[in-house]
Protein backbone atom coordinates (compact mmCIF):
# COMPACT_ATOMS: atom_id res chain seq x y z
CA MET A 1 -0.55 53.40 22.78
CA ALA A 2 0.09 55.22 26.37
CA ILE A 3 0.63 52.30 29.05
CA GLY A 4 -2.35 54.24 30.91
CA ASN A 5 -4.67 53.05 28.51
CA SER A 6 -6.52 50.43 29.98
CA GLU A 7 -8.97 50.30 26.60
CA SER A 8 -6.34 47.91 25.08
CA PRO A 9 -7.92 44.40 23.95
CA ARG A 10 -7.36 42.22 26.63
CA PRO A 11 -6.18 38.88 25.47
CA PHE A 12 -8.21 37.30 28.87
CA ALA A 13 -11.88 37.41 30.15
CA PRO A 14 -13.01 40.86 31.38
CA ALA A 15 -13.15 39.46 34.73
CA PRO A 16 -11.77 38.37 37.41
CA LEU A 17 -8.91 40.64 37.05
CA PRO A 18 -6.33 41.07 39.62
CA ARG A 19 -5.75 44.16 40.87
CA HIS A 20 -2.34 43.77 41.95
CA ILE A 21 0.45 41.74 40.26
CA ALA A 22 3.44 41.02 42.24
CA ILE A 23 6.31 39.36 40.33
CA VAL A 24 9.46 37.81 41.82
CA MET A 25 11.90 38.32 38.47
CA ASP A 26 13.96 35.53 38.52
CA GLY A 27 16.59 33.67 35.75
CA ASN A 28 18.54 37.10 34.41
CA GLY A 29 21.93 35.48 35.10
CA ARG A 30 20.69 31.97 34.22
CA TRP A 31 19.50 33.17 30.85
CA ALA A 32 22.84 35.37 30.04
CA GLN A 33 25.04 32.47 30.80
CA ALA A 34 23.14 29.51 28.91
CA ARG A 35 23.80 32.02 25.88
CA GLY A 36 27.63 32.81 26.85
CA LYS A 37 27.13 36.44 28.26
CA PRO A 38 27.89 37.48 31.23
CA ARG A 39 24.96 37.70 34.12
CA VAL A 40 24.69 41.71 33.50
CA PHE A 41 23.89 40.96 30.01
CA GLY A 42 20.82 39.20 31.37
CA HIS A 43 19.97 42.02 33.82
CA ARG A 44 20.12 44.48 30.78
CA ALA A 45 18.03 41.98 28.67
CA GLY A 46 15.55 42.03 31.86
CA ALA A 47 14.76 45.67 31.79
CA GLU A 48 13.14 45.49 28.86
CA SER A 49 10.55 42.58 30.18
CA VAL A 50 10.31 45.48 32.84
CA ARG A 51 8.94 47.63 30.06
CA ARG A 52 6.82 45.02 28.66
CA ALA A 53 5.46 44.19 31.94
CA VAL A 54 4.73 47.92 33.08
CA LYS A 55 3.11 48.86 29.78
CA ALA A 56 0.74 45.56 29.40
CA CYS A 57 -0.68 46.14 32.50
CA GLY A 58 -1.55 49.43 32.34
CA GLU A 59 -3.19 48.76 29.04
CA TRP A 60 -5.03 46.01 30.53
CA GLY A 61 -6.47 47.93 33.40
CA ILE A 62 -4.36 46.12 36.12
CA ARG A 63 -4.20 48.78 39.06
CA PHE A 64 -1.14 47.67 40.89
CA LEU A 65 2.67 46.19 40.02
CA THR A 66 5.14 45.40 42.40
CA LEU A 67 8.34 43.99 41.05
CA TYR A 68 11.25 42.28 43.17
CA ALA A 69 13.96 44.52 42.09
CA PHE A 70 16.58 44.12 44.53
CA SER A 71 16.49 41.84 47.67
CA THR A 72 18.15 42.29 51.55
CA GLU A 73 19.91 39.18 50.17
CA ASN A 74 21.54 40.57 46.83
CA TRP A 75 24.04 42.70 48.66
CA SER A 76 25.49 39.19 49.15
CA ARG A 77 26.11 38.71 45.16
CA PRO A 78 29.70 39.54 43.75
CA THR A 79 30.81 43.42 44.03
CA ALA A 80 30.71 44.18 40.03
CA GLU A 81 27.40 42.73 39.80
CA VAL A 82 26.01 44.36 42.12
CA GLN A 83 27.47 48.01 40.92
CA ALA A 84 26.06 46.95 37.85
CA LEU A 85 22.51 46.83 39.24
CA MET A 86 22.72 49.78 40.64
CA ALA A 87 24.14 51.38 37.83
CA LEU A 88 21.04 50.05 35.62
CA LEU A 89 18.42 51.04 38.46
CA ARG A 90 19.92 54.78 37.77
CA HIS A 91 19.81 54.36 34.18
CA TYR A 92 16.09 52.86 34.19
CA LEU A 93 15.23 55.82 36.54
CA ARG A 94 16.42 58.17 34.70
CA GLY A 95 15.52 57.18 31.30
CA GLU A 96 11.71 55.75 31.50
CA VAL A 97 10.34 58.82 33.83
CA ARG A 98 9.28 60.98 30.80
CA GLU A 99 7.01 57.84 29.22
CA LEU A 100 6.08 56.66 32.49
CA ASP A 101 4.83 60.06 33.36
CA ARG A 102 3.09 60.03 29.74
CA SER A 103 1.49 56.89 30.49
CA ASN A 104 0.12 58.38 33.70
CA VAL A 105 2.08 55.79 35.92
CA ARG A 106 2.68 56.34 39.64
CA LEU A 107 5.99 55.61 41.25
CA ARG A 108 6.49 53.68 44.55
CA ALA A 109 9.22 51.99 46.36
CA ILE A 110 9.05 49.83 49.36
CA GLY A 111 12.06 48.44 50.95
CA ASP A 112 14.96 50.27 53.05
CA ARG A 113 16.86 53.02 51.27
CA GLU A 114 19.51 53.74 53.39
CA ARG A 115 22.21 51.22 52.28
CA PHE A 116 21.97 52.82 48.64
CA SER A 117 24.51 55.31 47.48
CA ALA A 118 23.00 59.20 48.05
CA ALA A 119 23.21 58.83 44.11
CA THR A 120 20.92 56.24 43.64
CA ARG A 121 18.22 57.83 46.53
CA ARG A 122 18.36 61.00 44.19
CA GLU A 123 17.42 59.45 41.24
CA LEU A 124 14.94 57.25 42.94
CA ASP A 125 13.06 60.32 44.88
CA ARG A 126 13.40 62.17 41.35
CA ALA A 127 11.24 59.82 39.78
CA ILE A 128 8.65 59.40 42.60
CA GLN A 129 8.25 63.04 42.94
CA ALA A 130 7.83 63.27 39.00
CA LEU A 131 5.00 60.84 39.00
CA GLU A 132 3.23 61.20 41.97
CA LYS A 133 0.48 63.08 40.82
CA ASN A 134 -0.56 60.37 38.30
CA THR A 135 -3.27 58.32 38.16
CA GLY A 136 -2.80 55.12 36.33
CA LEU A 137 -1.18 51.96 37.35
CA THR A 138 0.92 52.07 40.34
CA LEU A 139 4.46 50.62 39.94
CA VAL A 140 5.79 49.48 43.40
CA LEU A 141 9.61 48.80 43.31
CA ALA A 142 11.02 46.48 45.89
CA LEU A 143 14.55 48.03 46.42
CA ASN A 144 17.04 46.80 49.36
CA TYR A 145 13.52 45.01 50.28
CA GLY A 146 12.95 42.18 52.65
CA ALA A 147 9.56 40.53 54.07
CA ARG A 148 11.50 40.22 57.52
CA ASP A 149 13.45 43.12 57.65
CA GLU A 150 10.17 44.93 56.82
CA ILE A 151 7.90 43.26 59.48
CA THR A 152 11.00 43.62 61.93
CA ARG A 153 10.92 47.21 61.20
CA ALA A 154 7.49 47.58 61.73
CA VAL A 155 7.44 45.40 65.31
CA ARG A 156 9.93 48.17 66.22
CA ALA A 157 7.70 50.79 65.30
CA LEU A 158 4.95 49.47 67.27
CA ALA A 159 7.43 48.85 70.33
CA ASP A 160 8.60 52.28 70.11
CA GLU A 161 4.48 53.66 70.31
CA ALA A 162 3.60 51.20 73.19
CA VAL A 163 6.72 52.45 75.15
CA ALA A 164 5.82 56.16 74.50
CA GLY A 165 2.40 55.69 75.99
CA ARG A 166 0.38 56.33 72.37
CA LEU A 167 -0.40 52.50 71.70
CA ARG A 168 -1.60 49.79 74.31
CA PRO A 169 0.17 46.69 73.31
CA GLU A 170 -3.33 44.55 73.79
CA ALA A 171 -4.92 46.50 71.44
CA ILE A 172 -2.57 45.84 68.79
CA GLY A 173 -4.26 44.10 65.65
CA GLU A 174 -3.83 43.04 61.92
CA ALA A 175 -4.49 46.79 60.93
CA ASP A 176 -1.85 48.17 63.25
CA ILE A 177 0.79 45.76 61.83
CA ALA A 178 -0.52 46.63 58.26
CA ALA A 179 -0.14 50.24 58.67
CA ARG A 180 3.50 50.39 59.38
CA LEU A 181 4.67 47.79 56.78
CA ASP A 182 6.27 49.64 53.93
CA THR A 183 3.12 48.53 51.88
CA ALA A 184 1.01 50.75 53.92
CA GLY A 185 -2.20 51.98 51.70
CA LEU A 186 -1.71 49.28 48.88
CA PRO A 187 -3.59 46.74 48.39
CA ASP A 188 -2.42 43.03 48.96
CA PRO A 189 -1.24 41.06 45.97
CA ASP A 190 -3.95 38.95 44.10
CA LEU A 191 -1.49 37.50 42.16
CA MET A 192 2.27 36.62 42.62
CA ILE A 193 4.40 35.15 39.73
CA ARG A 194 7.78 34.07 39.98
CA THR A 195 9.66 33.04 36.66
CA ALA A 196 12.70 30.37 35.56
CA GLY A 197 10.82 27.90 36.98
CA GLU A 198 11.39 28.54 40.81
CA MET A 199 9.10 27.48 43.84
CA ARG A 200 9.99 29.71 46.42
CA LEU A 201 8.49 32.90 48.05
CA SER A 202 12.20 33.85 48.88
CA ASN A 203 11.42 36.87 51.57
CA PHE A 204 8.88 38.72 49.37
CA LEU A 205 5.76 40.32 50.71
CA LEU A 206 5.10 37.41 53.37
CA TRP A 207 2.44 39.45 55.40
CA GLN A 208 1.06 40.45 52.38
CA ALA A 209 0.60 37.37 50.17
CA SER A 210 -1.22 35.38 52.74
CA TYR A 211 -4.16 34.99 50.10
CA ALA A 212 -2.42 35.79 47.11
CA GLU A 213 -2.75 33.21 43.90
CA TYR A 214 0.96 31.93 43.27
CA TYR A 215 2.01 31.17 39.44
CA SER A 216 5.46 29.91 38.18
CA THR A 217 6.35 29.94 34.94
CA PRO A 218 9.54 28.14 33.30
CA ALA A 219 10.34 30.89 31.49
CA CYS A 220 13.21 33.02 32.81
CA TRP A 221 12.65 37.22 33.34
CA PRO A 222 14.16 38.25 30.07
CA GLU A 223 11.87 35.95 28.23
CA PHE A 224 8.79 36.77 30.02
CA ASP A 225 6.70 38.87 27.74
CA ARG A 226 2.93 39.98 26.86
CA GLU A 227 1.60 36.47 26.07
CA ALA A 228 3.57 34.84 29.33
CA LEU A 229 1.94 37.66 31.56
CA ALA A 230 -1.38 36.93 30.21
CA GLU A 231 -1.08 33.78 30.80
CA ALA A 232 -1.12 34.12 34.18
CA ILE A 233 -3.48 36.10 34.13
CA ARG A 234 -5.81 33.21 32.70
CA ALA A 235 -4.50 30.96 35.26
CA PHE A 236 -5.65 33.42 38.02
CA GLN A 237 -9.09 33.53 36.46
CA GLN A 238 -9.38 29.54 36.58
CA ARG A 239 -8.87 29.77 40.29
CA THR A 240 -11.54 29.83 42.90
CA ARG A 241 -10.56 32.21 45.80
CA ARG A 242 -12.21 31.16 48.89
CA TYR A 243 -9.96 32.99 51.94
CA GLY A 244 -10.01 29.62 54.08
CA GLY A 245 -13.54 29.51 53.62
CA VAL A 246 -15.84 27.02 51.10
CA THR A 247 -17.90 27.36 48.14
CA GLU A 248 -21.24 25.58 47.86
């Protein structure tokens, strides 16, 4: 069944449905080490969970899925692990584009790509271009992404425009900041999921997730299957979203 087919039966109520789901994919290394395997084994297993999540979201009619794939802080990990993650990313981009295209998935990336190798940037650009005309699920990969870095770059852009006389500082509003973030044009996430039982935001979408519903599961990312995703959506559907207001 194609990823972009939203006619697949949903294991939850038809509404309310999160338009945008963001996921912190945590626990790959711990999952592998608990099985006596190197951490890279967990990252490879986690790639299969990515496939499952993308397929399920496309089938269930979720419009946007953002995955925290590599943070600005992840560069501090052992060199061998970082190299393995970059190789896995390139492998995923090369191997999945045809299936993503067949399933009408569009690809977008957020974060600062400049630190990546030319080969990694090339594979990413090729994949984005190959899928740019698709109209189904938008898959957003957060790569070398950190919310503080993103906001800092947006503020610098605004400052440059103000110095150049194209923008009056007193006229800057939230919409001006949002338009200069990496996520410009994307709706804010409705549901933020974090695996492996962690309860931290970890510098992920700090501006955009102001009113997202947070959901934590003890399952490590390689264990996160369709039913785990469905359970998170069911939990979302039980929440009352007031956006700072009250309900009668």
